[in-house]
Amino acid sequence: MLINNFIITSTQSESDDNNEATKIYSFDNGKFIRNINNTSQNPINYLLSWYNNNNSSYYIIHLSKGKILINNLIEDELYCQLKKDSLGHIFGSLILHQNNKDYLYTTSEKADINIWDLYEKKIYTIIYINSFLVYIIKWNNKYCIVGDYTNKSFRIIDIEKNEIVGNMGGKDKRPLTCVKKAYHPIYGESLLTASWDKNINLWSI
C-alpha cells in the first residue's frame, strides 16, 4: 500500500532490469518505495495521473513510443496497453471528462491528435492535423491548445466538436517545443510558448 505523499519519476532510457523503470519515492523522506511494472523496457516521455470513476481506482498513464501503458497505482497491475500503427513517440496528453466518459487526448511526432476512450480502452476518434505535435493543454471547457512543432505555431481545438478552429504563432525561427497556460498580473489569462531558439513568448487574449 502506498503512503499518501509520494513522487513518481520516469526516464526515456531502457534496460532489461529495473534500473530504468518508473519509480515511486516517498515525498516525506525521499526513500525508494518500488518500481512500476512493465515500464523498464519502454522509453517514457510523459506521465499523467488518472482517477477512474468507474472503479474508484488511481492510475498512472505512461506515454511511450508507439504505445500507452496504464497501470493501477496501488495494485501495480496493468489496466491496459493502448497501441495504434505509426504512433511514434507520444509526447503530450490531457484527460477530459465528457458524457460520463473519460477521454485521453494524445499528441505525437507522427501527426494528428488521437482521442482514446479510457473505459472502452480503444480509439474514440482522431483529429487530423498531419504535423509533429508536442504539448497539449486544456484552455477552458470549450478549447484546448496544441503545440505544433513543424509549423512553429499552436493550434486551437474545439473540444466539443473535436475540430481545429484556429492556428496562431509561427513567429519563432525554430520549432515550438512547449505551451503552458499562465495568469499574468496585467494581461490575465495568457499563453506561454517556448521554442528551440531559446525564446519564450507571452500571448494574451
N, C-alpha and C. Protein backbone atom coordinates (compact mmCIF):
# COMPACT_ATOMS: atom_id res chain seq x y z
N MET A 1 0.84 -1.19 0.00
CA MET A 1 0.00 0.00 0.00
C MET A 1 0.87 1.25 0.00
N LEU A 2 0.56 2.21 -0.84
CA LEU A 2 1.36 3.43 -0.91
C LEU A 2 1.02 4.38 0.22
N ILE A 3 2.02 5.17 0.62
CA ILE A 3 1.77 6.23 1.56
C ILE A 3 1.05 7.36 0.84
N ASN A 4 0.57 8.35 1.59
CA ASN A 4 -0.21 9.42 0.99
C ASN A 4 0.62 10.38 0.15
N ASN A 5 1.85 10.66 0.58
CA ASN A 5 2.70 11.62 -0.11
C ASN A 5 3.83 10.91 -0.83
N PHE A 6 3.81 10.98 -2.15
CA PHE A 6 4.87 10.33 -2.91
C PHE A 6 5.09 11.07 -4.22
N ILE A 7 6.23 10.82 -4.83
CA ILE A 7 6.56 11.36 -6.14
C ILE A 7 6.91 10.21 -7.07
N ILE A 8 6.66 10.41 -8.36
CA ILE A 8 6.90 9.37 -9.36
C ILE A 8 7.84 9.93 -10.42
N THR A 9 8.88 9.17 -10.75
CA THR A 9 9.85 9.60 -11.76
C THR A 9 9.90 8.57 -12.89
N SER A 10 10.24 9.05 -14.08
CA SER A 10 10.38 8.16 -15.24
C SER A 10 11.59 8.59 -16.04
N THR A 11 11.94 7.79 -17.04
CA THR A 11 13.10 8.10 -17.88
C THR A 11 12.84 7.63 -19.31
N GLN A 12 13.53 8.25 -20.26
CA GLN A 12 13.43 7.82 -21.65
C GLN A 12 14.41 6.70 -21.97
N SER A 13 15.23 6.32 -21.00
CA SER A 13 16.17 5.21 -21.20
C SER A 13 15.46 3.88 -21.01
N GLU A 14 16.08 2.81 -21.53
CA GLU A 14 15.52 1.47 -21.43
C GLU A 14 16.56 0.52 -20.85
N SER A 15 16.10 -0.55 -20.19
CA SER A 15 17.02 -1.57 -19.67
C SER A 15 16.27 -2.88 -19.51
N ASP A 16 17.03 -3.98 -19.41
CA ASP A 16 16.43 -5.29 -19.22
C ASP A 16 16.12 -5.58 -17.75
N ASP A 17 16.66 -4.75 -16.85
CA ASP A 17 16.33 -4.88 -15.44
C ASP A 17 15.46 -3.69 -15.02
N ASN A 18 15.39 -3.40 -13.75
CA ASN A 18 14.52 -2.32 -13.28
C ASN A 18 15.25 -0.99 -13.08
N ASN A 19 16.47 -0.89 -13.60
CA ASN A 19 17.23 0.35 -13.43
C ASN A 19 16.52 1.55 -14.06
N GLU A 20 15.86 1.32 -15.18
CA GLU A 20 15.22 2.42 -15.92
C GLU A 20 13.70 2.42 -15.77
N ALA A 21 13.20 1.68 -14.81
CA ALA A 21 11.74 1.62 -14.61
C ALA A 21 11.23 2.92 -14.00
N THR A 22 9.93 3.16 -14.17
CA THR A 22 9.28 4.26 -13.46
C THR A 22 9.30 3.92 -11.97
N LYS A 23 9.71 4.91 -11.15
CA LYS A 23 9.95 4.65 -9.74
C LYS A 23 9.08 5.54 -8.85
N ILE A 24 8.71 4.98 -7.70
CA ILE A 24 7.92 5.71 -6.72
C ILE A 24 8.78 5.95 -5.47
N TYR A 25 8.81 7.20 -5.01
CA TYR A 25 9.57 7.58 -3.83
C TYR A 25 8.65 8.26 -2.81
N SER A 26 9.02 8.16 -1.56
CA SER A 26 8.31 8.89 -0.52
C SER A 26 8.64 10.37 -0.64
N PHE A 27 7.61 11.19 -0.66
CA PHE A 27 7.81 12.64 -0.70
C PHE A 27 8.30 13.16 0.65
N ASP A 28 7.99 12.43 1.73
CA ASP A 28 8.33 12.87 3.08
C ASP A 28 9.82 12.69 3.40
N ASN A 29 10.38 11.54 2.99
CA ASN A 29 11.78 11.28 3.35
C ASN A 29 12.67 10.91 2.17
N GLY A 30 12.09 10.87 0.95
CA GLY A 30 12.90 10.58 -0.24
C GLY A 30 13.26 9.12 -0.43
N LYS A 31 12.75 8.23 0.41
CA LYS A 31 13.11 6.82 0.30
C LYS A 31 12.38 6.15 -0.88
N PHE A 32 13.10 5.23 -1.51
CA PHE A 32 12.54 4.47 -2.63
C PHE A 32 11.46 3.52 -2.10
N ILE A 33 10.30 3.48 -2.80
CA ILE A 33 9.22 2.58 -2.41
C ILE A 33 9.19 1.35 -3.31
N ARG A 34 9.04 1.56 -4.61
CA ARG A 34 9.04 0.42 -5.53
C ARG A 34 9.08 0.91 -6.98
N ASN A 35 9.35 -0.05 -7.88
CA ASN A 35 9.25 0.20 -9.32
C ASN A 35 7.83 -0.09 -9.79
N ILE A 36 7.45 0.51 -10.92
CA ILE A 36 6.18 0.20 -11.55
C ILE A 36 6.43 -0.81 -12.66
N ASN A 37 5.70 -1.89 -12.64
CA ASN A 37 5.89 -2.97 -13.61
C ASN A 37 5.68 -2.52 -15.05
N ASN A 38 6.32 -3.23 -15.97
CA ASN A 38 6.13 -3.07 -17.42
C ASN A 38 6.68 -1.75 -17.97
N THR A 39 7.52 -1.06 -17.22
CA THR A 39 7.99 0.25 -17.68
C THR A 39 9.49 0.29 -18.00
N SER A 40 10.25 -0.67 -17.53
CA SER A 40 11.70 -0.60 -17.69
C SER A 40 12.16 -0.69 -19.14
N GLN A 41 11.45 -1.45 -19.95
CA GLN A 41 11.86 -1.66 -21.34
C GLN A 41 11.12 -0.73 -22.31
N ASN A 42 10.53 0.32 -21.78
CA ASN A 42 9.82 1.29 -22.61
C ASN A 42 10.32 2.70 -22.31
N PRO A 43 10.71 3.47 -23.34
CA PRO A 43 11.09 4.86 -23.10
C PRO A 43 9.86 5.67 -22.73
N ILE A 44 9.87 6.33 -21.59
CA ILE A 44 8.70 7.07 -21.12
C ILE A 44 8.92 8.56 -21.35
N ASN A 45 8.03 9.16 -22.14
CA ASN A 45 8.14 10.59 -22.47
C ASN A 45 7.35 11.49 -21.54
N TYR A 46 6.29 10.95 -20.94
CA TYR A 46 5.40 11.80 -20.15
C TYR A 46 4.57 10.93 -19.22
N LEU A 47 4.27 11.45 -18.03
CA LEU A 47 3.42 10.76 -17.07
C LEU A 47 2.17 11.59 -16.79
N LEU A 48 1.07 10.90 -16.58
CA LEU A 48 -0.20 11.57 -16.30
C LEU A 48 -0.99 10.73 -15.30
N SER A 49 -1.53 11.35 -14.28
CA SER A 49 -2.35 10.62 -13.31
C SER A 49 -3.81 10.61 -13.77
N TRP A 50 -4.52 9.57 -13.38
CA TRP A 50 -5.94 9.44 -13.76
C TRP A 50 -6.69 8.73 -12.65
N TYR A 51 -7.82 9.31 -12.25
CA TYR A 51 -8.72 8.66 -11.31
C TYR A 51 -9.90 8.09 -12.08
N ASN A 52 -10.06 6.78 -12.03
CA ASN A 52 -11.12 6.08 -12.75
C ASN A 52 -12.38 6.06 -11.89
N ASN A 53 -13.38 6.85 -12.28
CA ASN A 53 -14.62 6.92 -11.51
C ASN A 53 -15.43 5.63 -11.58
N ASN A 54 -15.19 4.84 -12.61
CA ASN A 54 -15.95 3.59 -12.75
C ASN A 54 -15.62 2.59 -11.66
N ASN A 55 -14.34 2.51 -11.29
CA ASN A 55 -13.95 1.54 -10.27
C ASN A 55 -13.27 2.17 -9.06
N SER A 56 -13.30 3.51 -9.00
CA SER A 56 -12.73 4.26 -7.87
C SER A 56 -11.27 3.90 -7.61
N SER A 57 -10.48 3.86 -8.70
CA SER A 57 -9.07 3.50 -8.59
C SER A 57 -8.19 4.57 -9.21
N TYR A 58 -6.96 4.64 -8.70
CA TYR A 58 -5.97 5.59 -9.22
C TYR A 58 -5.03 4.89 -10.19
N TYR A 59 -4.72 5.60 -11.28
CA TYR A 59 -3.84 5.04 -12.30
C TYR A 59 -2.75 6.04 -12.67
N ILE A 60 -1.65 5.50 -13.19
CA ILE A 60 -0.60 6.33 -13.76
C ILE A 60 -0.48 5.96 -15.24
N ILE A 61 -0.56 6.96 -16.10
CA ILE A 61 -0.51 6.76 -17.55
C ILE A 61 0.89 7.09 -18.06
N HIS A 62 1.48 6.17 -18.79
CA HIS A 62 2.82 6.35 -19.35
C HIS A 62 2.71 6.54 -20.86
N LEU A 63 3.23 7.64 -21.38
CA LEU A 63 3.31 7.84 -22.82
C LEU A 63 4.67 7.36 -23.28
N SER A 64 4.69 6.44 -24.21
CA SER A 64 5.94 5.84 -24.66
C SER A 64 6.06 5.97 -26.18
N LYS A 65 6.84 5.10 -26.78
CA LYS A 65 7.00 5.08 -28.23
C LYS A 65 6.03 4.05 -28.81
N GLY A 66 5.02 4.53 -29.52
CA GLY A 66 4.07 3.63 -30.17
C GLY A 66 3.04 3.01 -29.26
N LYS A 67 3.06 3.36 -27.98
CA LYS A 67 2.11 2.74 -27.06
C LYS A 67 1.88 3.62 -25.85
N ILE A 68 0.79 3.32 -25.15
CA ILE A 68 0.45 3.97 -23.89
C ILE A 68 0.20 2.88 -22.86
N LEU A 69 0.91 2.95 -21.73
CA LEU A 69 0.75 1.98 -20.66
C LEU A 69 -0.01 2.62 -19.51
N ILE A 70 -1.04 1.94 -19.02
CA ILE A 70 -1.82 2.47 -17.91
C ILE A 70 -1.79 1.44 -16.77
N ASN A 71 -1.18 1.84 -15.65
CA ASN A 71 -1.03 0.94 -14.51
C ASN A 71 -1.87 1.41 -13.32
N ASN A 72 -2.47 0.43 -12.64
CA ASN A 72 -3.12 0.72 -11.37
C ASN A 72 -2.04 1.12 -10.38
N LEU A 73 -2.15 2.30 -9.81
CA LEU A 73 -1.09 2.84 -8.98
C LEU A 73 -0.95 2.11 -7.65
N ILE A 74 -2.04 1.63 -7.09
CA ILE A 74 -1.99 0.95 -5.79
C ILE A 74 -1.66 -0.53 -5.95
N GLU A 75 -2.38 -1.21 -6.84
CA GLU A 75 -2.19 -2.65 -7.02
C GLU A 75 -1.02 -2.98 -7.94
N ASP A 76 -0.55 -1.99 -8.70
CA ASP A 76 0.53 -2.17 -9.68
C ASP A 76 0.19 -3.24 -10.71
N GLU A 77 -1.05 -3.21 -11.19
CA GLU A 77 -1.48 -4.10 -12.25
C GLU A 77 -1.67 -3.28 -13.53
N LEU A 78 -1.40 -3.89 -14.66
CA LEU A 78 -1.57 -3.22 -15.94
C LEU A 78 -3.06 -3.17 -16.27
N TYR A 79 -3.60 -1.96 -16.34
CA TYR A 79 -5.01 -1.78 -16.69
C TYR A 79 -5.23 -2.03 -18.17
N CYS A 80 -4.35 -1.45 -18.99
CA CYS A 80 -4.41 -1.70 -20.42
C CYS A 80 -3.17 -1.14 -21.11
N GLN A 81 -2.96 -1.58 -22.33
CA GLN A 81 -1.92 -1.04 -23.19
C GLN A 81 -2.60 -0.59 -24.48
N LEU A 82 -2.52 0.69 -24.77
CA LEU A 82 -3.15 1.24 -25.96
C LEU A 82 -2.11 1.38 -27.06
N LYS A 83 -2.43 0.86 -28.24
CA LYS A 83 -1.49 0.91 -29.36
C LYS A 83 -2.23 1.28 -30.64
N LYS A 84 -1.48 1.88 -31.55
CA LYS A 84 -2.01 2.22 -32.85
C LYS A 84 -0.85 2.29 -33.82
N ASP A 85 -1.04 1.81 -35.03
CA ASP A 85 0.04 1.79 -36.02
C ASP A 85 0.60 3.19 -36.26
N SER A 86 1.91 3.27 -36.35
CA SER A 86 2.61 4.52 -36.72
C SER A 86 2.37 5.67 -35.75
N LEU A 87 2.33 5.36 -34.46
CA LEU A 87 2.17 6.42 -33.48
C LEU A 87 3.47 7.20 -33.27
N GLY A 88 4.60 6.49 -33.30
CA GLY A 88 5.87 7.14 -32.98
C GLY A 88 5.91 7.51 -31.51
N HIS A 89 6.79 8.44 -31.15
CA HIS A 89 6.88 8.89 -29.77
C HIS A 89 5.66 9.76 -29.43
N ILE A 90 5.04 9.45 -28.30
CA ILE A 90 3.89 10.22 -27.83
C ILE A 90 4.37 11.19 -26.77
N PHE A 91 4.09 12.48 -26.95
CA PHE A 91 4.70 13.49 -26.10
C PHE A 91 3.73 14.20 -25.15
N GLY A 92 2.53 14.48 -25.57
CA GLY A 92 1.62 15.27 -24.75
C GLY A 92 0.30 14.58 -24.54
N SER A 93 -0.38 14.94 -23.44
CA SER A 93 -1.68 14.32 -23.19
C SER A 93 -2.48 15.15 -22.18
N LEU A 94 -3.77 14.97 -22.23
CA LEU A 94 -4.66 15.50 -21.21
C LEU A 94 -5.90 14.62 -21.17
N ILE A 95 -6.61 14.67 -20.04
CA ILE A 95 -7.82 13.88 -19.87
C ILE A 95 -9.02 14.81 -19.73
N LEU A 96 -10.05 14.54 -20.52
CA LEU A 96 -11.28 15.32 -20.44
C LEU A 96 -12.45 14.40 -20.11
N HIS A 97 -13.32 14.86 -19.22
CA HIS A 97 -14.50 14.09 -18.84
C HIS A 97 -15.71 14.65 -19.58
N GLN A 98 -16.30 13.82 -20.44
CA GLN A 98 -17.44 14.25 -21.24
C GLN A 98 -18.45 13.12 -21.34
N ASN A 99 -19.72 13.45 -21.13
CA ASN A 99 -20.80 12.46 -21.28
C ASN A 99 -20.55 11.19 -20.47
N ASN A 100 -20.12 11.38 -19.22
CA ASN A 100 -19.86 10.26 -18.31
C ASN A 100 -18.74 9.35 -18.80
N LYS A 101 -17.85 9.88 -19.62
CA LYS A 101 -16.71 9.13 -20.12
C LYS A 101 -15.44 9.92 -19.86
N ASP A 102 -14.32 9.21 -19.74
CA ASP A 102 -13.02 9.86 -19.65
C ASP A 102 -12.27 9.62 -20.96
N TYR A 103 -11.83 10.71 -21.58
CA TYR A 103 -11.12 10.62 -22.85
C TYR A 103 -9.69 11.13 -22.70
N LEU A 104 -8.76 10.37 -23.23
CA LEU A 104 -7.35 10.75 -23.21
C LEU A 104 -6.97 11.31 -24.58
N TYR A 105 -6.56 12.58 -24.61
CA TYR A 105 -6.09 13.22 -25.83
C TYR A 105 -4.57 13.10 -25.86
N THR A 106 -4.01 12.59 -26.95
CA THR A 106 -2.55 12.46 -27.03
C THR A 106 -2.02 13.05 -28.33
N THR A 107 -0.79 13.58 -28.25
CA THR A 107 -0.09 14.12 -29.42
C THR A 107 1.20 13.34 -29.62
N SER A 108 1.68 13.30 -30.86
CA SER A 108 2.90 12.55 -31.13
C SER A 108 3.65 13.14 -32.32
N GLU A 109 4.83 12.57 -32.57
CA GLU A 109 5.65 13.02 -33.69
C GLU A 109 5.08 12.57 -35.03
N LYS A 110 4.13 11.66 -35.01
CA LYS A 110 3.58 11.10 -36.24
C LYS A 110 2.25 11.74 -36.62
N ALA A 111 2.04 12.98 -36.18
CA ALA A 111 0.88 13.78 -36.61
C ALA A 111 -0.42 13.36 -35.92
N ASP A 112 -1.38 14.27 -35.96
CA ASP A 112 -2.75 14.03 -35.50
C ASP A 112 -2.89 13.95 -33.97
N ILE A 113 -4.11 14.24 -33.52
CA ILE A 113 -4.46 14.10 -32.10
C ILE A 113 -5.34 12.86 -31.99
N ASN A 114 -4.87 11.89 -31.25
CA ASN A 114 -5.65 10.67 -31.03
C ASN A 114 -6.44 10.81 -29.74
N ILE A 115 -7.71 10.49 -29.79
CA ILE A 115 -8.57 10.59 -28.62
C ILE A 115 -9.00 9.17 -28.25
N TRP A 116 -8.63 8.75 -27.03
CA TRP A 116 -8.86 7.39 -26.57
C TRP A 116 -9.98 7.37 -25.54
N ASP A 117 -10.86 6.40 -25.65
CA ASP A 117 -11.88 6.14 -24.64
C ASP A 117 -11.22 5.28 -23.56
N LEU A 118 -11.01 5.84 -22.37
CA LEU A 118 -10.29 5.11 -21.33
C LEU A 118 -11.10 3.99 -20.71
N TYR A 119 -12.40 4.02 -20.84
CA TYR A 119 -13.22 2.93 -20.32
C TYR A 119 -13.33 1.78 -21.32
N GLU A 120 -13.47 2.13 -22.58
CA GLU A 120 -13.55 1.09 -23.62
C GLU A 120 -12.18 0.60 -24.05
N LYS A 121 -11.13 1.36 -23.68
CA LYS A 121 -9.73 1.00 -23.96
C LYS A 121 -9.45 0.93 -25.46
N LYS A 122 -9.90 1.95 -26.19
CA LYS A 122 -9.69 1.98 -27.63
C LYS A 122 -9.80 3.42 -28.15
N ILE A 123 -9.41 3.60 -29.42
CA ILE A 123 -9.52 4.91 -30.07
C ILE A 123 -10.98 5.32 -30.18
N TYR A 124 -11.28 6.54 -29.77
CA TYR A 124 -12.64 7.08 -29.91
C TYR A 124 -12.77 7.85 -31.23
N THR A 125 -11.83 8.76 -31.47
CA THR A 125 -11.81 9.49 -32.73
C THR A 125 -10.42 10.11 -32.92
N ILE A 126 -10.19 10.68 -34.09
CA ILE A 126 -8.89 11.28 -34.42
C ILE A 126 -9.13 12.67 -35.00
N ILE A 127 -8.35 13.64 -34.54
CA ILE A 127 -8.35 14.97 -35.15
C ILE A 127 -7.11 15.04 -36.05
N TYR A 128 -7.33 15.10 -37.35
CA TYR A 128 -6.23 15.03 -38.31
C TYR A 128 -5.57 16.40 -38.49
N ILE A 129 -4.28 16.46 -38.24
CA ILE A 129 -3.52 17.69 -38.39
C ILE A 129 -2.34 17.51 -39.33
N ASN A 130 -1.75 16.32 -39.34
CA ASN A 130 -0.62 16.00 -40.21
C ASN A 130 0.59 16.91 -39.92
N SER A 131 0.99 16.90 -38.64
CA SER A 131 2.14 17.69 -38.22
C SER A 131 2.73 17.07 -36.95
N PHE A 132 3.99 17.38 -36.68
CA PHE A 132 4.66 16.93 -35.47
C PHE A 132 4.11 17.75 -34.30
N LEU A 133 3.38 17.09 -33.40
CA LEU A 133 2.70 17.78 -32.31
C LEU A 133 3.38 17.49 -30.98
N VAL A 134 3.48 18.52 -30.14
CA VAL A 134 4.12 18.34 -28.84
C VAL A 134 3.09 18.50 -27.72
N TYR A 135 3.22 19.51 -26.90
CA TYR A 135 2.33 19.68 -25.75
C TYR A 135 0.88 19.93 -26.16
N ILE A 136 -0.02 19.48 -25.28
CA ILE A 136 -1.44 19.80 -25.41
C ILE A 136 -1.95 20.19 -24.03
N ILE A 137 -2.68 21.30 -23.95
CA ILE A 137 -3.20 21.76 -22.67
C ILE A 137 -4.68 22.12 -22.81
N LYS A 138 -5.39 22.04 -21.71
CA LYS A 138 -6.78 22.49 -21.68
C LYS A 138 -6.78 23.99 -21.37
N TRP A 139 -7.43 24.78 -22.24
CA TRP A 139 -7.52 26.21 -22.00
C TRP A 139 -8.73 26.53 -21.13
N ASN A 140 -9.88 25.96 -21.49
CA ASN A 140 -11.10 26.09 -20.69
C ASN A 140 -12.02 24.93 -21.07
N ASN A 141 -13.27 25.02 -20.71
CA ASN A 141 -14.20 23.92 -21.01
C ASN A 141 -14.59 23.85 -22.48
N LYS A 142 -14.16 24.81 -23.27
CA LYS A 142 -14.51 24.86 -24.68
C LYS A 142 -13.32 24.52 -25.59
N TYR A 143 -12.11 24.90 -25.18
CA TYR A 143 -10.95 24.77 -26.07
C TYR A 143 -9.75 24.11 -25.39
N CYS A 144 -8.95 23.46 -26.21
CA CYS A 144 -7.61 23.06 -25.80
C CYS A 144 -6.63 23.58 -26.83
N ILE A 145 -5.37 23.67 -26.45
CA ILE A 145 -4.33 24.23 -27.32
C ILE A 145 -3.21 23.23 -27.48
N VAL A 146 -2.74 23.08 -28.72
CA VAL A 146 -1.73 22.09 -29.05
C VAL A 146 -0.52 22.77 -29.67
N GLY A 147 0.66 22.41 -29.20
CA GLY A 147 1.89 22.94 -29.77
C GLY A 147 2.23 22.21 -31.06
N ASP A 148 2.41 22.96 -32.15
CA ASP A 148 2.74 22.41 -33.47
C ASP A 148 4.22 22.64 -33.74
N TYR A 149 5.01 21.59 -33.54
CA TYR A 149 6.46 21.67 -33.70
C TYR A 149 6.86 22.00 -35.13
N THR A 150 6.21 21.38 -36.09
CA THR A 150 6.57 21.53 -37.50
C THR A 150 6.33 22.95 -38.00
N ASN A 151 5.18 23.50 -37.70
CA ASN A 151 4.80 24.81 -38.22
C ASN A 151 5.13 25.98 -37.28
N LYS A 152 5.82 25.66 -36.17
CA LYS A 152 6.26 26.69 -35.21
C LYS A 152 5.07 27.53 -34.72
N SER A 153 3.96 26.87 -34.50
CA SER A 153 2.73 27.58 -34.12
C SER A 153 1.97 26.75 -33.10
N PHE A 154 0.78 27.22 -32.74
CA PHE A 154 -0.07 26.41 -31.89
C PHE A 154 -1.48 26.38 -32.47
N ARG A 155 -2.12 25.23 -32.32
CA ARG A 155 -3.46 25.02 -32.85
C ARG A 155 -4.49 25.13 -31.73
N ILE A 156 -5.65 25.69 -32.06
CA ILE A 156 -6.75 25.81 -31.12
C ILE A 156 -7.80 24.76 -31.50
N ILE A 157 -8.17 23.92 -30.55
CA ILE A 157 -9.09 22.82 -30.80
C ILE A 157 -10.39 23.04 -30.03
N ASP A 158 -11.51 22.96 -30.72
CA ASP A 158 -12.81 22.98 -30.08
C ASP A 158 -13.07 21.57 -29.55
N ILE A 159 -13.09 21.42 -28.23
CA ILE A 159 -13.21 20.08 -27.65
C ILE A 159 -14.65 19.58 -27.59
N GLU A 160 -15.60 20.45 -27.91
CA GLU A 160 -16.99 19.98 -28.01
C GLU A 160 -17.23 19.34 -29.38
N LYS A 161 -16.56 19.89 -30.42
CA LYS A 161 -16.72 19.37 -31.77
C LYS A 161 -15.54 18.51 -32.21
N ASN A 162 -14.44 18.53 -31.42
CA ASN A 162 -13.20 17.83 -31.77
C ASN A 162 -12.72 18.22 -33.17
N GLU A 163 -12.56 19.52 -33.36
CA GLU A 163 -12.06 20.01 -34.64
C GLU A 163 -11.19 21.26 -34.42
N ILE A 164 -10.31 21.53 -35.40
CA ILE A 164 -9.43 22.69 -35.34
C ILE A 164 -10.22 23.94 -35.69
N VAL A 165 -10.06 24.98 -34.86
CA VAL A 165 -10.77 26.24 -35.13
C VAL A 165 -9.80 27.42 -35.25
N GLY A 166 -8.52 27.18 -35.05
CA GLY A 166 -7.56 28.28 -35.18
C GLY A 166 -6.14 27.80 -35.22
N ASN A 167 -5.27 28.63 -35.81
CA ASN A 167 -3.83 28.35 -35.89
C ASN A 167 -3.11 29.67 -35.72
N MET A 168 -2.29 29.78 -34.66
CA MET A 168 -1.61 31.03 -34.38
C MET A 168 -0.13 30.80 -34.13
N GLY A 169 0.64 31.88 -34.20
CA GLY A 169 2.07 31.77 -33.94
C GLY A 169 2.86 31.81 -35.22
N GLY A 170 3.88 30.94 -35.30
CA GLY A 170 4.74 30.90 -36.48
C GLY A 170 5.80 31.99 -36.48
N LYS A 171 5.95 32.73 -35.35
CA LYS A 171 6.91 33.82 -35.30
C LYS A 171 8.31 33.35 -34.90
N ASP A 172 8.39 32.19 -34.27
CA ASP A 172 9.69 31.70 -33.84
C ASP A 172 10.51 31.22 -35.03
N LYS A 173 11.82 31.39 -34.93
CA LYS A 173 12.70 30.96 -36.01
C LYS A 173 12.92 29.46 -36.00
N ARG A 174 12.74 28.85 -34.83
CA ARG A 174 12.94 27.41 -34.71
C ARG A 174 11.68 26.78 -34.13
N PRO A 175 11.55 25.45 -34.22
CA PRO A 175 10.30 24.78 -33.82
C PRO A 175 9.85 25.06 -32.40
N LEU A 176 8.54 25.14 -32.24
CA LEU A 176 7.93 25.33 -30.93
C LEU A 176 7.99 24.01 -30.17
N THR A 177 8.33 24.06 -28.89
CA THR A 177 8.50 22.83 -28.11
C THR A 177 7.55 22.70 -26.93
N CYS A 178 6.95 23.81 -26.47
CA CYS A 178 6.14 23.72 -25.26
C CYS A 178 5.11 24.84 -25.22
N VAL A 179 3.92 24.55 -24.72
CA VAL A 179 2.90 25.57 -24.46
C VAL A 179 2.38 25.38 -23.04
N LYS A 180 2.17 26.49 -22.33
CA LYS A 180 1.66 26.44 -20.98
C LYS A 180 0.69 27.60 -20.75
N LYS A 181 -0.34 27.35 -19.99
CA LYS A 181 -1.26 28.41 -19.61
C LYS A 181 -0.74 29.09 -18.36
N ALA A 182 -0.87 30.43 -18.30
CA ALA A 182 -0.40 31.18 -17.15
C ALA A 182 -1.35 32.34 -16.88
N TYR A 183 -1.29 32.84 -15.66
CA TYR A 183 -2.08 34.04 -15.33
C TYR A 183 -1.11 35.19 -15.12
N HIS A 184 -1.21 36.22 -15.97
CA HIS A 184 -0.33 37.38 -15.91
C HIS A 184 -1.00 38.48 -15.09
N PRO A 185 -0.27 39.17 -14.21
CA PRO A 185 -0.89 40.19 -13.36
C PRO A 185 -1.50 41.36 -14.14
N ILE A 186 -1.03 41.58 -15.36
CA ILE A 186 -1.57 42.67 -16.19
C ILE A 186 -2.54 42.15 -17.24
N TYR A 187 -2.15 41.10 -17.95
CA TYR A 187 -2.93 40.61 -19.09
C TYR A 187 -3.93 39.52 -18.74
N GLY A 188 -3.88 39.01 -17.52
CA GLY A 188 -4.82 37.97 -17.13
C GLY A 188 -4.46 36.62 -17.74
N GLU A 189 -5.47 35.85 -18.17
CA GLU A 189 -5.22 34.54 -18.76
C GLU A 189 -4.35 34.69 -20.01
N SER A 190 -3.23 33.99 -20.00
CA SER A 190 -2.27 34.12 -21.09
C SER A 190 -1.69 32.76 -21.45
N LEU A 191 -0.99 32.74 -22.56
CA LEU A 191 -0.34 31.52 -23.03
C LEU A 191 1.16 31.78 -23.15
N LEU A 192 1.96 30.85 -22.64
CA LEU A 192 3.40 30.91 -22.81
C LEU A 192 3.82 29.84 -23.80
N THR A 193 4.63 30.22 -24.80
CA THR A 193 5.17 29.25 -25.75
C THR A 193 6.68 29.34 -25.74
N ALA A 194 7.33 28.19 -25.83
CA ALA A 194 8.79 28.13 -25.87
C ALA A 194 9.23 27.42 -27.14
N SER A 195 10.41 27.78 -27.66
CA SER A 195 10.89 27.16 -28.89
C SER A 195 12.39 26.90 -28.78
N TRP A 196 12.92 26.20 -29.78
CA TRP A 196 14.34 25.85 -29.80
C TRP A 196 15.25 27.05 -30.01
N ASP A 197 14.71 28.21 -30.34
CA ASP A 197 15.56 29.40 -30.49
C ASP A 197 15.77 30.11 -29.15
N LYS A 198 15.37 29.43 -28.06
CA LYS A 198 15.58 29.91 -26.69
C LYS A 198 14.70 31.11 -26.35
N ASN A 199 13.62 31.30 -27.10
CA ASN A 199 12.69 32.37 -26.81
C ASN A 199 11.44 31.83 -26.10
N ILE A 200 10.90 32.63 -25.18
CA ILE A 200 9.62 32.35 -24.55
C ILE A 200 8.70 33.52 -24.88
N ASN A 201 7.59 33.24 -25.53
CA ASN A 201 6.65 34.28 -25.93
C ASN A 201 5.41 34.26 -25.05
N LEU A 202 4.91 35.43 -24.72
CA LEU A 202 3.68 35.57 -23.94
C LEU A 202 2.57 36.03 -24.87
N TRP A 203 1.46 35.26 -24.90
CA TRP A 203 0.31 35.59 -25.73
C TRP A 203 -0.86 35.92 -24.81
N SER A 204 -1.54 37.02 -25.10
CA SER A 204 -2.71 37.39 -24.29
C SER A 204 -3.95 37.39 -25.16
N ILE A 205 -5.11 37.28 -24.53
CA ILE A 205 -6.36 37.25 -25.28
C ILE A 205 -6.65 38.64 -25.85
